[in-house]
């Protein structure tokens, strides 16, 4: 239980710092594009959310906030993803402008909870990696997480002018 509270306290500090610097830390080139792909036609199989990000900040952060250009495709993205379960997340660093090694990913829900429970920390800068969401990060128990409203991705320790993507595999 103590580790759980320590994790939450560290996460709270990161969020407070992010809010404090959001107005000045991000250059206009930082962006996140979230695209919902339905499981039909050429995309047979499970639906996905592809989150492509660009870090254009000397601090190496990309947050879904007022300081970052966020695009959602299609326009009714939030309606389409609400009620879907996240089954798996796959990080894919850019081959040319790869992020710093051991960069961190987060997918927050509308309450500010990391839906992966820290499972997207310490991502490799050259290899794609996959992880299931943690439903109990203290005991490392993985499971599915439901998107009740929308999602707010964040990427930390990425470096300046870096790129990558996170693909979330969803239920039908």
C-alpha atoms as a PDB file:
ATOM      1  CA  UNK A   1       0.000   0.000   0.000  1.00  0.00           C
ATOM      2  CA  UNK A   2       2.878   2.311   0.794  1.00  0.00           C
ATOM      3  CA  UNK A   3       4.298   1.915  -2.747  1.00  0.00           C
ATOM      4  CA  UNK A   4       0.899   2.746  -4.201  1.00  0.00           C
ATOM      5  CA  UNK A   5       0.701   6.027  -2.271  1.00  0.00           C
ATOM      6  CA  UNK A   6       4.296   6.853  -3.177  1.00  0.00           C
ATOM      7  CA  UNK A   7       3.474   6.294  -6.860  1.00  0.00           C
ATOM      8  CA  UNK A   8       0.378   8.508  -6.594  1.00  0.00           C
ATOM      9  CA  UNK A   9       2.371  11.227  -4.813  1.00  0.00           C
ATOM     10  CA  UNK A  10       5.050  11.170  -7.537  1.00  0.00           C
ATOM     11  CA  UNK A  11       2.383  11.307 -10.236  1.00  0.00           C
ATOM     12  CA  UNK A  12       0.715  14.262  -8.508  1.00  0.00           C
ATOM     13  CA  UNK A  13       4.034  16.147  -8.446  1.00  0.00           C
ATOM     14  CA  UNK A  14       4.535  15.519 -12.181  1.00  0.00           C
ATOM     15  CA  UNK A  15       1.021  16.760 -12.958  1.00  0.00           C
ATOM     16  CA  UNK A  16       1.408  19.865 -10.789  1.00  0.00           C
ATOM     17  CA  UNK A  17       4.698  20.713 -12.491  1.00  0.00           C
ATOM     18  CA  UNK A  18       3.141  20.162 -15.903  1.00  0.00           C
ATOM     19  CA  UNK A  19       0.273  22.515 -15.135  1.00  0.00           C
ATOM     20  CA  UNK A  20       2.667  25.115 -13.749  1.00  0.00           C
ATOM     21  CA  UNK A  21       4.838  25.184 -16.860  1.00  0.00           C
ATOM     22  CA  UNK A  22       2.312  24.487 -19.597  1.00  0.00           C
ATOM     23  CA  UNK A  23       1.988  28.113 -20.601  1.00  0.00           C
ATOM     24  CA  UNK A  24       5.695  28.552 -21.295  1.00  0.00           C
ATOM     25  CA  UNK A  25       7.241  25.138 -21.794  1.00  0.00           C
ATOM     26  CA  UNK A  26       5.789  24.153 -25.126  1.00  0.00           C
ATOM     27  CA  UNK A  27       6.706  25.475 -28.494  1.00  0.00           C
ATOM     28  CA  UNK A  28       3.958  25.709 -31.067  1.00  0.00           C
ATOM     29  CA  UNK A  29       5.309  22.601 -32.845  1.00  0.00           C
ATOM     30  CA  UNK A  30       4.365  20.168 -30.072  1.00  0.00           C
ATOM     31  CA  UNK A  31       1.412  18.105 -31.161  1.00  0.00           C
ATOM     32  CA  UNK A  32      -0.673  15.020 -30.540  1.00  0.00           C
ATOM     33  CA  UNK A  33      -2.936  13.464 -33.151  1.00  0.00           C
ATOM     34  CA  UNK A  34      -5.374  10.796 -31.981  1.00  0.00           C
ATOM     35  CA  UNK A  35      -7.057   8.745 -34.720  1.00  0.00           C
ATOM     36  CA  UNK A  36      -9.807   6.192 -34.095  1.00  0.00           C
ATOM     37  CA  UNK A  37      -9.794   3.328 -36.584  1.00  0.00           C
ATOM     38  CA  UNK A  38     -12.919   1.193 -36.601  1.00  0.00           C
ATOM     39  CA  UNK A  39     -12.588  -2.553 -37.112  1.00  0.00           C
ATOM     40  CA  UNK A  40     -14.189  -2.699 -40.541  1.00  0.00           C
ATOM     41  CA  UNK A  41     -13.273  -2.761 -44.198  1.00  0.00           C
ATOM     42  CA  UNK A  42      -9.509  -2.472 -44.679  1.00  0.00           C
ATOM     43  CA  UNK A  43      -9.020  -2.375 -40.894  1.00  0.00           C
ATOM     44  CA  UNK A  44     -10.591  -5.778 -40.188  1.00  0.00           C
ATOM     45  CA  UNK A  45      -9.881  -6.991 -36.679  1.00  0.00           C
ATOM     46  CA  UNK A  46      -9.995  -4.905 -33.518  1.00  0.00           C
ATOM     47  CA  UNK A  47     -10.492  -1.128 -33.452  1.00  0.00           C
ATOM     48  CA  UNK A  48      -7.470   0.978 -32.552  1.00  0.00           C
ATOM     49  CA  UNK A  49      -6.562   4.457 -31.427  1.00  0.00           C
ATOM     50  CA  UNK A  50      -3.332   5.641 -33.002  1.00  0.00           C
ATOM     51  CA  UNK A  51      -1.706   8.441 -31.004  1.00  0.00           C
ATOM     52  CA  UNK A  52       1.060  10.185 -32.940  1.00  0.00           C
ATOM     53  CA  UNK A  53       3.073  12.760 -31.012  1.00  0.00           C
ATOM     54  CA  UNK A  54       5.771  15.336 -31.692  1.00  0.00           C
ATOM     55  CA  UNK A  55       7.852  16.815 -28.871  1.00  0.00           C
ATOM     56  CA  UNK A  56       8.971  20.333 -29.721  1.00  0.00           C
ATOM     57  CA  UNK A  57      10.029  21.412 -26.277  1.00  0.00           C
ATOM     58  CA  UNK A  58      13.437  21.833 -24.710  1.00  0.00           C
ATOM     59  CA  UNK A  59      11.983  20.072 -21.652  1.00  0.00           C
ATOM     60  CA  UNK A  60      11.015  17.013 -23.693  1.00  0.00           C
ATOM     61  CA  UNK A  61       7.367  16.821 -22.633  1.00  0.00           C
ATOM     62  CA  UNK A  62       4.197  16.410 -24.679  1.00  0.00           C
ATOM     63  CA  UNK A  63       0.946  16.748 -22.702  1.00  0.00           C
ATOM     64  CA  UNK A  64      -2.636  16.872 -23.878  1.00  0.00           C
ATOM     65  CA  UNK A  65      -3.139  20.430 -22.718  1.00  0.00           C
ATOM     66  CA  UNK A  66      -3.687  23.950 -23.980  1.00  0.00           C
ATOM     67  CA  UNK A  67       0.021  24.236 -24.774  1.00  0.00           C
ATOM     68  CA  UNK A  68      -0.061  21.367 -27.290  1.00  0.00           C
ATOM     69  CA  UNK A  69      -1.929  21.217 -30.579  1.00  0.00           C
ATOM     70  CA  UNK A  70      -4.318  18.232 -30.206  1.00  0.00           C
ATOM     71  CA  UNK A  71      -6.170  16.826 -33.200  1.00  0.00           C
ATOM     72  CA  UNK A  72      -8.849  14.146 -32.906  1.00  0.00           C
ATOM     73  CA  UNK A  73      -9.909  12.188 -35.998  1.00  0.00           C
ATOM     74  CA  UNK A  74     -12.759  11.798 -36.769  1.00  0.00           C
ATOM     75  CA  UNK A  75     -14.586  14.784 -35.282  1.00  0.00           C
ATOM     76  CA  UNK A  76     -16.758  12.518 -33.093  1.00  0.00           C
ATOM     77  CA  UNK A  77     -13.671  10.766 -31.653  1.00  0.00           C
ATOM     78  CA  UNK A  78     -14.813  11.075 -28.015  1.00  0.00           C
ATOM     79  CA  UNK A  79     -18.216   9.542 -28.786  1.00  0.00           C
ATOM     80  CA  UNK A  80     -16.651   6.664 -30.723  1.00  0.00           C
ATOM     81  CA  UNK A  81     -14.128   5.691 -28.027  1.00  0.00           C
ATOM     82  CA  UNK A  82     -16.383   6.112 -24.976  1.00  0.00           C
ATOM     83  CA  UNK A  83     -17.259   2.704 -23.563  1.00  0.00           C
ATOM     84  CA  UNK A  84     -14.418   0.892 -25.354  1.00  0.00           C
ATOM     85  CA  UNK A  85     -11.927  -1.166 -23.371  1.00  0.00           C
ATOM     86  CA  UNK A  86      -8.170  -0.760 -23.807  1.00  0.00           C
ATOM     87  CA  UNK A  87      -6.691  -4.220 -24.193  1.00  0.00           C
ATOM     88  CA  UNK A  88      -3.101  -3.436 -25.166  1.00  0.00           C
ATOM     89  CA  UNK A  89      -0.804  -0.490 -25.820  1.00  0.00           C
ATOM     90  CA  UNK A  90       2.095  -0.618 -28.296  1.00  0.00           C
ATOM     91  CA  UNK A  91       4.729   2.122 -28.316  1.00  0.00           C
ATOM     92  CA  UNK A  92       6.564   2.763 -31.578  1.00  0.00           C
ATOM     93  CA  UNK A  93       9.419   5.306 -31.564  1.00  0.00           C
ATOM     94  CA  UNK A  94      10.131   7.194 -34.780  1.00  0.00           C
ATOM     95  CA  UNK A  95      12.976   5.687 -36.821  1.00  0.00           C
ATOM     96  CA  UNK A  96      14.501   9.077 -37.699  1.00  0.00           C
ATOM     97  CA  UNK A  97      13.639  11.359 -34.755  1.00  0.00           C
ATOM     98  CA  UNK A  98      13.559   8.743 -31.993  1.00  0.00           C
ATOM     99  CA  UNK A  99      12.771   9.839 -28.438  1.00  0.00           C
ATOM    100  CA  UNK A 100      15.268   9.647 -25.609  1.00  0.00           C
ATOM    101  CA  UNK A 101      15.817   6.118 -24.312  1.00  0.00           C
ATOM    102  CA  UNK A 102      13.560   5.224 -21.380  1.00  0.00           C
ATOM    103  CA  UNK A 103      10.952   7.868 -22.240  1.00  0.00           C
ATOM    104  CA  UNK A 104       7.591   7.517 -20.487  1.00  0.00           C
ATOM    105  CA  UNK A 105       4.054   7.341 -21.802  1.00  0.00           C
ATOM    106  CA  UNK A 106       0.810   8.020 -19.976  1.00  0.00           C
ATOM    107  CA  UNK A 107      -2.843   7.697 -20.918  1.00  0.00           C
ATOM    108  CA  UNK A 108      -4.972   9.611 -18.418  1.00  0.00           C
ATOM    109  CA  UNK A 109      -8.717   9.284 -17.990  1.00  0.00           C
ATOM    110  CA  UNK A 110     -11.038  12.197 -17.200  1.00  0.00           C
ATOM    111  CA  UNK A 111     -10.158  11.852 -13.491  1.00  0.00           C
ATOM    112  CA  UNK A 112      -6.411  12.178 -14.046  1.00  0.00           C
ATOM    113  CA  UNK A 113      -5.661   8.484 -13.425  1.00  0.00           C
ATOM    114  CA  UNK A 114      -3.010   6.812 -15.566  1.00  0.00           C
ATOM    115  CA  UNK A 115      -4.984   4.054 -17.283  1.00  0.00           C
ATOM    116  CA  UNK A 116      -1.783   2.021 -17.698  1.00  0.00           C
ATOM    117  CA  UNK A 117      -0.720   2.451 -14.063  1.00  0.00           C
ATOM    118  CA  UNK A 118       2.855   3.272 -15.036  1.00  0.00           C
ATOM    119  CA  UNK A 119       3.190   0.289 -17.400  1.00  0.00           C
ATOM    120  CA  UNK A 120       4.284   2.592 -20.251  1.00  0.00           C
ATOM    121  CA  UNK A 121       7.312   3.901 -18.349  1.00  0.00           C
ATOM    122  CA  UNK A 122      10.868   3.391 -19.582  1.00  0.00           C
ATOM    123  CA  UNK A 123      10.089   2.771 -23.252  1.00  0.00           C
ATOM    124  CA  UNK A 124      12.903   1.836 -25.608  1.00  0.00           C
ATOM    125  CA  UNK A 125      14.057   4.434 -28.135  1.00  0.00           C
ATOM    126  CA  UNK A 126      14.574   1.984 -31.010  1.00  0.00           C
ATOM    127  CA  UNK A 127      12.190  -0.955 -30.504  1.00  0.00           C
ATOM    128  CA  UNK A 128       8.419  -1.195 -30.376  1.00  0.00           C
ATOM    129  CA  UNK A 129       7.140  -2.485 -27.048  1.00  0.00           C
ATOM    130  CA  UNK A 130       3.729  -3.612 -25.889  1.00  0.00           C
ATOM    131  CA  UNK A 131       2.047  -3.626 -22.498  1.00  0.00           C
ATOM    132  CA  UNK A 132      -1.376  -4.331 -21.068  1.00  0.00           C
ATOM    133  CA  UNK A 133      -2.874  -1.711 -18.743  1.00  0.00           C
ATOM    134  CA  UNK A 134      -2.215  -2.301 -15.056  1.00  0.00           C
ATOM    135  CA  UNK A 135      -5.373  -2.436 -12.973  1.00  0.00           C
ATOM    136  CA  UNK A 136      -3.229  -2.838  -9.858  1.00  0.00           C
ATOM    137  CA  UNK A 137       0.189  -1.200 -10.399  1.00  0.00           C
ATOM    138  CA  UNK A 138       1.336  -2.018  -6.871  1.00  0.00           C
ATOM    139  CA  UNK A 139       1.063  -5.764  -7.418  1.00  0.00           C
ATOM    140  CA  UNK A 140       1.634  -5.617 -11.201  1.00  0.00           C
ATOM    141  CA  UNK A 141      -1.767  -7.025 -12.136  1.00  0.00           C
ATOM    142  CA  UNK A 142      -2.684  -6.357 -15.772  1.00  0.00           C
ATOM    143  CA  UNK A 143      -6.202  -6.165 -17.183  1.00  0.00           C
ATOM    144  CA  UNK A 144      -8.497  -4.146 -19.420  1.00  0.00           C
ATOM    145  CA  UNK A 145      -9.425  -0.515 -18.738  1.00  0.00           C
ATOM    146  CA  UNK A 146     -12.618   1.129 -19.948  1.00  0.00           C
ATOM    147  CA  UNK A 147     -12.598   4.572 -21.574  1.00  0.00           C
ATOM    148  CA  UNK A 148     -15.585   6.207 -19.908  1.00  0.00           C
ATOM    149  CA  UNK A 149     -15.309   9.646 -21.518  1.00  0.00           C
ATOM    150  CA  UNK A 150     -12.117  10.359 -23.462  1.00  0.00           C
ATOM    151  CA  UNK A 151      -8.358   9.983 -23.011  1.00  0.00           C
ATOM    152  CA  UNK A 152      -5.546  12.451 -22.383  1.00  0.00           C
ATOM    153  CA  UNK A 153      -2.140  11.123 -23.467  1.00  0.00           C
ATOM    154  CA  UNK A 154       1.183  12.477 -22.230  1.00  0.00           C
ATOM    155  CA  UNK A 155       4.778  11.642 -23.077  1.00  0.00           C
ATOM    156  CA  UNK A 156       7.675  12.556 -20.780  1.00  0.00           C
ATOM    157  CA  UNK A 157      11.462  12.560 -21.074  1.00  0.00           C
ATOM    158  CA  UNK A 158      11.202  12.398 -24.858  1.00  0.00           C
ATOM    159  CA  UNK A 159      13.836  14.963 -25.825  1.00  0.00           C
ATOM    160  CA  UNK A 160      13.431  17.966 -28.106  1.00  0.00           C
ATOM    161  CA  UNK A 161      12.066  17.580 -31.661  1.00  0.00           C
ATOM    162  CA  UNK A 162      11.316  13.879 -31.213  1.00  0.00           C
ATOM    163  CA  UNK A 163       8.455  11.742 -32.533  1.00  0.00           C
ATOM    164  CA  UNK A 164       6.677   8.523 -31.773  1.00  0.00           C
ATOM    165  CA  UNK A 165       3.341   6.821 -31.607  1.00  0.00           C
ATOM    166  CA  UNK A 166       1.267   4.757 -29.256  1.00  0.00           C
ATOM    167  CA  UNK A 167      -1.310   2.352 -30.652  1.00  0.00           C
ATOM    168  CA  UNK A 168      -4.113   1.342 -28.311  1.00  0.00           C
ATOM    169  CA  UNK A 169      -5.881  -1.888 -29.233  1.00  0.00           C
ATOM    170  CA  UNK A 170      -9.536  -1.847 -28.169  1.00  0.00           C
ATOM    171  CA  UNK A 171     -12.408  -4.266 -27.844  1.00  0.00           C
ATOM    172  CA  UNK A 172     -15.136  -4.202 -30.484  1.00  0.00           C
END
